[in-house]
Amino acid sequence: MPAAAPVTMSARVFTGLFYPSPATGGATCVETRTQAGPQACEHPRMHRRVDEPSAGSLVRWALLLGALPASLALALGVVIAASVEETFGDLTRDLTVTTASPLYVGALSALTVMVWTAGAAVALATAWPARHEGPLARLLLMLGVLTLALALDDQFMVHDGTLQKAGIPGETALVGYVVWLGLTVALHRDLLRARPETSVLLLGAGLLGASLVVDLVVEIGGITAFDSLRILVEDGLKLLGAAVWGVGVGALARAVQREVLGVSRSTDRGIPTG
C-alpha cells in the first residue's frame, strides 16, 4: 500500500453538539489519517478539525441535559403525588406493578411509545449538530420535534384525555400536529419531492392517518360492535405507522450524516478506504 494511502478513518460527528465550529456552523470534520500523518478534511464543507470533547465536558453536558431534567421530573412527581394524595411509587413504578396486572398488559402500547421515542432521538441527535447546515438538517429537526410530540401524546394520552380533563378539546393537539406537519412540508416541498425517503414517510403518515380515521369514525358514529376488531385495526395501524415513520426518519438522519456531516459509508463501518 502506498505511503499516502488512507489507513484509518475517524468521523467526529456529534462533537458539534459540544464544540460548534464558527467556520462550519457546528459541523464537524472528517479527518483522513495516513502513514504520512493527518490529511485535510475530505468533505468540501468540512475544513476545520473539531477536537473530541474531554471527559469533564461530557460530564458537564450529562449533568445539564440528563441529570437536571430528570431531577426536575422527580420534583414535579413529588408535587403531583402530594396534590392528588397518591404515593410517589405510583408515579415511578411500572403500571403492571401499581395495578397488579399481568406483564403483558399495555405491552404493545409501550412498544409503540418506544418506537416513537427512538425515531425522535435519532432525528434530534443527528439534526442538532447540523442545524445551521441547510434545509435537509432543518427538515430532519422539524420531523424530530413532531415525532417527539407524538411520543409524548401517546404516552400521556394528550389528545385522548389530558387536554379534555383540562377543559380543552382534544382535537386541539391534532390540529397542532397537522399545522406543524403542513409547515414542515411547505418549507421543504422541493426537497421532499427529490428525496427517496419521502415515500417511506408518506407510507408511515398514511398508516397513522388511517388509524386516526378509524378512531374518529368509531367515536362519531358511536359504533360499539366488533370492539376488539376495531381496537386491533386502530392500534395495529398506529404501531405499523409509527414503525414505518421511524424507519423513514432514520433514513433521513443517515442522509444528513452522509451529505451534511460528511460521514461516508466506509467510515461508518470502520473500513479503510484504501
Protein backbone atom coordinates (compact mmCIF):
# COMPACT_ATOMS: atom_id res chain seq x y z
CA MET A 1 0.00 0.00 0.00
CA PRO A 2 1.47 3.44 -0.88
CA ALA A 3 2.58 5.63 1.98
CA ALA A 4 -0.12 8.19 1.24
CA ALA A 5 -2.93 5.64 1.09
CA PRO A 6 -5.54 6.04 3.80
CA VAL A 7 -5.12 3.62 6.67
CA THR A 8 -7.96 4.54 9.03
CA MET A 9 -10.84 6.98 9.10
CA SER A 10 -12.22 8.81 12.13
CA ALA A 11 -15.53 10.67 11.93
CA ARG A 12 -16.30 13.12 14.70
CA VAL A 13 -19.97 13.59 14.02
CA PHE A 14 -21.61 14.62 17.24
CA THR A 15 -18.81 16.79 18.65
CA GLY A 16 -20.53 19.79 17.08
CA LEU A 17 -23.03 19.43 19.91
CA PHE A 18 -20.29 20.24 22.40
CA TYR A 19 -17.87 22.39 20.36
CA PRO A 20 -19.71 24.09 17.48
CA SER A 21 -17.29 25.46 14.92
CA PRO A 22 -17.88 29.07 13.77
CA ALA A 23 -16.34 28.21 10.43
CA THR A 24 -18.73 25.37 9.73
CA GLY A 25 -21.80 26.35 11.72
CA GLY A 26 -21.45 23.42 14.07
CA ALA A 27 -20.49 20.77 11.53
CA THR A 28 -17.54 18.53 12.22
CA CYS A 29 -14.53 17.48 10.25
CA VAL A 30 -13.94 14.03 8.79
CA GLU A 31 -10.18 13.62 9.09
CA THR A 32 -8.20 11.16 7.00
CA ARG A 33 -5.18 9.68 8.77
CA THR A 34 -2.43 8.34 6.53
CA GLN A 35 1.03 6.93 7.11
CA ALA A 36 2.38 10.37 6.31
CA GLY A 37 0.21 11.95 9.00
CA PRO A 38 -3.23 13.64 9.17
CA GLN A 39 -4.52 14.96 5.86
CA ALA A 40 -7.02 17.67 5.04
CA CYS A 41 -10.72 17.17 5.59
CA GLU A 42 -12.30 15.28 2.72
CA HIS A 43 -15.81 16.72 2.75
CA PRO A 44 -15.93 20.10 0.95
CA ARG A 45 -17.93 21.68 3.77
CA MET A 46 -15.68 20.28 6.49
CA HIS A 47 -12.49 22.28 6.54
CA ARG A 48 -11.80 22.67 10.25
CA ARG A 49 -10.92 19.94 12.70
CA VAL A 50 -13.01 19.78 15.86
CA ASP A 51 -11.34 18.16 18.85
CA GLU A 52 -13.15 15.46 20.71
CA PRO A 53 -14.77 16.62 23.96
CA SER A 54 -12.96 15.90 27.19
CA ALA A 55 -14.36 13.68 29.91
CA GLY A 56 -15.02 16.76 32.03
CA SER A 57 -17.08 18.48 29.34
CA LEU A 58 -19.07 15.30 28.71
CA VAL A 59 -19.86 15.03 32.42
CA ARG A 60 -21.00 18.67 32.48
CA TRP A 61 -23.27 18.11 29.49
CA ALA A 62 -24.59 14.88 31.03
CA LEU A 63 -25.50 16.77 34.20
CA LEU A 64 -27.10 19.60 32.22
CA LEU A 65 -29.00 17.55 29.65
CA GLY A 66 -29.56 14.40 31.68
CA ALA A 67 -29.46 14.82 35.45
CA LEU A 68 -31.09 18.27 35.56
CA PRO A 69 -34.24 17.36 33.56
CA ALA A 70 -34.50 14.08 35.48
CA SER A 71 -34.28 15.97 38.78
CA LEU A 72 -36.98 18.39 37.66
CA ALA A 73 -39.19 15.44 36.69
CA LEU A 74 -38.68 13.87 40.12
CA ALA A 75 -39.53 17.17 41.83
CA LEU A 76 -42.66 17.51 39.70
CA GLY A 77 -43.58 13.95 40.61
CA VAL A 78 -43.32 14.74 44.30
CA VAL A 79 -45.61 17.75 43.87
CA ILE A 80 -48.15 15.76 41.84
CA ALA A 81 -48.16 12.85 44.29
CA ALA A 82 -48.76 15.23 47.19
CA SER A 83 -51.51 17.16 45.41
CA VAL A 84 -53.54 14.09 44.42
CA GLU A 85 -52.85 12.18 47.64
CA GLU A 86 -51.10 9.30 45.91
CA THR A 87 -47.87 7.61 46.88
CA PHE A 88 -44.75 8.62 45.00
CA GLY A 89 -44.31 4.99 43.96
CA ASP A 90 -47.48 5.22 41.88
CA LEU A 91 -45.60 7.64 39.61
CA THR A 92 -42.29 5.81 39.46
CA ARG A 93 -43.22 2.14 39.31
CA ASP A 94 -44.47 0.24 36.27
CA LEU A 95 -48.19 0.24 35.63
CA THR A 96 -48.31 -3.55 35.90
CA VAL A 97 -46.91 -3.26 39.44
CA THR A 98 -49.21 -0.49 40.67
CA THR A 99 -52.31 -2.16 39.19
CA ALA A 100 -51.22 -5.76 39.91
CA SER A 101 -51.80 -6.58 36.24
CA PRO A 102 -50.10 -9.27 34.15
CA LEU A 103 -46.85 -8.24 32.49
CA TYR A 104 -48.39 -8.26 29.02
CA VAL A 105 -50.97 -5.57 29.85
CA GLY A 106 -50.12 -2.45 27.84
CA ALA A 107 -47.11 -4.13 26.23
CA LEU A 108 -47.92 -3.09 22.66
CA SER A 109 -48.75 0.43 23.81
CA ALA A 110 -45.32 0.63 25.48
CA LEU A 111 -43.70 -0.71 22.30
CA THR A 112 -45.37 2.00 20.23
CA VAL A 113 -44.08 4.71 22.57
CA MET A 114 -40.59 3.19 22.38
CA VAL A 115 -40.73 3.32 18.58
CA TRP A 116 -41.78 6.98 18.65
CA THR A 117 -39.04 7.82 21.14
CA ALA A 118 -36.33 6.02 19.17
CA GLY A 119 -37.27 7.89 15.99
CA ALA A 120 -37.29 11.23 17.79
CA ALA A 121 -33.93 10.55 19.47
CA VAL A 122 -32.21 9.61 16.20
CA ALA A 123 -33.65 12.62 14.39
CA LEU A 124 -32.85 15.22 17.05
CA ALA A 125 -29.39 13.85 17.92
CA THR A 126 -28.41 13.94 14.24
CA ALA A 127 -30.08 17.20 13.26
CA TRP A 128 -28.96 19.37 16.17
CA PRO A 129 -25.20 19.44 15.35
CA ALA A 130 -26.10 20.21 11.71
CA ARG A 131 -28.90 22.67 12.43
CA HIS A 132 -27.17 25.53 10.60
CA GLU A 133 -26.15 23.45 7.60
CA GLY A 134 -29.09 23.85 5.26
CA PRO A 135 -32.64 22.65 4.59
CA LEU A 136 -32.01 18.90 4.87
CA ALA A 137 -30.90 19.18 8.50
CA ARG A 138 -33.74 21.62 9.23
CA LEU A 139 -36.25 19.18 7.75
CA LEU A 140 -34.93 16.40 9.98
CA LEU A 141 -35.05 18.69 13.02
CA MET A 142 -38.70 19.64 12.41
CA LEU A 143 -39.66 15.99 11.86
CA GLY A 144 -37.82 15.07 15.05
CA VAL A 145 -39.80 17.66 17.03
CA LEU A 146 -43.05 16.29 15.60
CA THR A 147 -42.04 12.71 16.40
CA LEU A 148 -41.20 13.67 19.98
CA ALA A 149 -44.57 15.41 20.34
CA LEU A 150 -46.34 12.26 19.11
CA ALA A 151 -44.37 10.15 21.58
CA LEU A 152 -45.43 12.39 24.46
CA ASP A 153 -49.02 12.41 23.21
CA ASP A 154 -49.12 8.63 23.01
CA GLN A 155 -47.56 8.12 26.43
CA PHE A 156 -49.60 10.70 28.35
CA MET A 157 -52.80 10.50 26.26
CA VAL A 158 -52.66 14.21 25.49
CA HIS A 159 -55.41 14.38 22.89
CA ASP A 160 -57.31 11.36 24.26
CA GLY A 161 -57.73 12.57 27.83
CA THR A 162 -55.25 15.06 29.30
CA LEU A 163 -56.50 18.09 27.36
CA GLN A 164 -60.13 17.12 27.81
CA LYS A 165 -59.71 16.94 31.58
CA ALA A 166 -58.26 20.46 31.42
CA GLY A 167 -61.33 21.69 29.53
CA ILE A 168 -59.52 21.88 26.18
CA PRO A 169 -60.84 19.94 23.17
CA GLY A 170 -58.58 17.02 22.37
CA GLU A 171 -58.72 17.93 18.70
CA THR A 172 -56.57 20.98 19.53
CA ALA A 173 -53.48 18.78 19.74
CA LEU A 174 -54.32 17.01 16.48
CA VAL A 175 -54.75 20.35 14.72
CA GLY A 176 -51.39 21.45 16.11
CA TYR A 177 -49.67 18.35 14.73
CA VAL A 178 -51.27 18.84 11.31
CA VAL A 179 -50.27 22.52 11.22
CA TRP A 180 -46.67 21.67 12.18
CA LEU A 181 -46.51 18.94 9.55
CA GLY A 182 -48.03 21.28 6.95
CA LEU A 183 -45.47 23.96 7.79
CA THR A 184 -42.67 21.40 7.51
CA VAL A 185 -43.91 20.29 4.09
CA ALA A 186 -44.42 23.88 2.88
CA LEU A 187 -40.88 24.89 3.85
CA HIS A 188 -39.29 21.82 2.24
CA ARG A 189 -41.66 20.84 -0.58
CA ASP A 190 -39.00 20.90 -3.31
CA LEU A 191 -36.58 18.95 -1.15
CA LEU A 192 -39.23 16.38 -0.23
CA ARG A 193 -40.08 15.82 -3.90
CA ALA A 194 -36.46 14.97 -4.61
CA ARG A 195 -35.74 12.75 -1.60
CA PRO A 196 -36.27 8.95 -1.75
CA GLU A 197 -37.02 8.93 1.99
CA THR A 198 -40.24 10.84 1.34
CA SER A 199 -42.01 7.72 0.09
CA VAL A 200 -41.33 5.94 3.39
CA LEU A 201 -42.51 8.94 5.41
CA LEU A 202 -45.67 9.14 3.31
CA LEU A 203 -46.38 5.46 3.90
CA GLY A 204 -45.92 5.89 7.64
CA ALA A 205 -48.11 9.01 7.69
CA GLY A 206 -50.76 7.19 5.67
CA LEU A 207 -50.92 4.32 8.16
CA LEU A 208 -51.15 6.76 11.06
CA GLY A 209 -53.84 8.71 9.25
CA ALA A 210 -55.82 5.52 8.66
CA SER A 211 -55.63 4.73 12.39
CA LEU A 212 -56.93 8.20 13.20
CA VAL A 213 -59.77 7.85 10.69
CA VAL A 214 -60.86 4.57 12.30
CA ASP A 215 -60.80 6.26 15.71
CA LEU A 216 -62.87 9.24 14.53
CA VAL A 217 -65.41 7.13 12.64
CA VAL A 218 -66.00 4.92 15.66
CA GLU A 219 -66.24 7.89 18.03
CA ILE A 220 -68.56 9.96 15.84
CA GLY A 221 -70.71 7.02 14.77
CA GLY A 222 -70.94 5.57 18.25
CA ILE A 223 -70.02 2.14 16.93
CA THR A 224 -69.79 -0.47 19.67
CA ALA A 225 -69.95 -3.71 17.68
CA PHE A 226 -66.77 -5.63 16.89
CA ASP A 227 -64.92 -3.62 19.55
CA SER A 228 -61.94 -5.99 19.75
CA LEU A 229 -61.55 -5.98 15.97
CA ARG A 230 -61.78 -2.19 15.89
CA ILE A 231 -59.08 -1.86 18.54
CA LEU A 232 -56.87 -4.32 16.65
CA VAL A 233 -57.23 -2.32 13.43
CA GLU A 234 -56.84 1.10 15.04
CA ASP A 235 -53.91 0.35 17.33
CA GLY A 236 -52.31 -2.03 14.82
CA LEU A 237 -52.28 0.68 12.16
CA LYS A 238 -50.80 3.11 14.69
CA LEU A 239 -47.97 0.74 15.62
CA LEU A 240 -47.24 -0.04 11.96
CA GLY A 241 -47.36 3.65 11.07
CA ALA A 242 -45.02 4.62 13.91
CA ALA A 243 -42.56 1.89 12.90
CA VAL A 244 -42.54 2.85 9.22
CA TRP A 245 -42.33 6.55 10.10
CA GLY A 246 -39.37 5.78 12.36
CA VAL A 247 -37.59 3.99 9.51
CA GLY A 248 -38.18 7.00 7.26
CA VAL A 249 -36.83 9.40 9.87
CA GLY A 250 -33.84 7.12 10.43
CA ALA A 251 -33.11 7.02 6.69
CA LEU A 252 -33.27 10.80 6.56
CA ALA A 253 -30.93 11.01 9.56
CA ARG A 254 -28.48 8.76 7.71
CA ALA A 255 -28.69 11.10 4.73
CA VAL A 256 -27.85 14.07 6.96
CA GLN A 257 -24.86 12.22 8.39
CA ARG A 258 -23.61 11.37 4.91
CA GLU A 259 -24.45 14.53 2.96
CA VAL A 260 -24.19 17.23 5.62
CA LEU A 261 -21.87 15.91 8.30
CA GLY A 262 -19.68 14.10 5.79
CA VAL A 263 -19.75 10.58 7.21
CA SER A 264 -19.01 8.08 4.45
CA ARG A 265 -20.32 4.52 4.42
CA SER A 266 -16.80 3.13 4.84
CA THR A 267 -16.16 5.48 7.74
CA ASP A 268 -19.38 4.40 9.39
CA ARG A 269 -18.25 0.78 9.34
CA GLY A 270 -14.66 1.49 10.29
CA ILE A 271 -13.45 0.15 6.92
CA PRO A 272 -10.27 1.62 5.41
CA THR A 273 -10.91 3.31 2.07
CA GLY A 274 -7.59 2.30 0.55
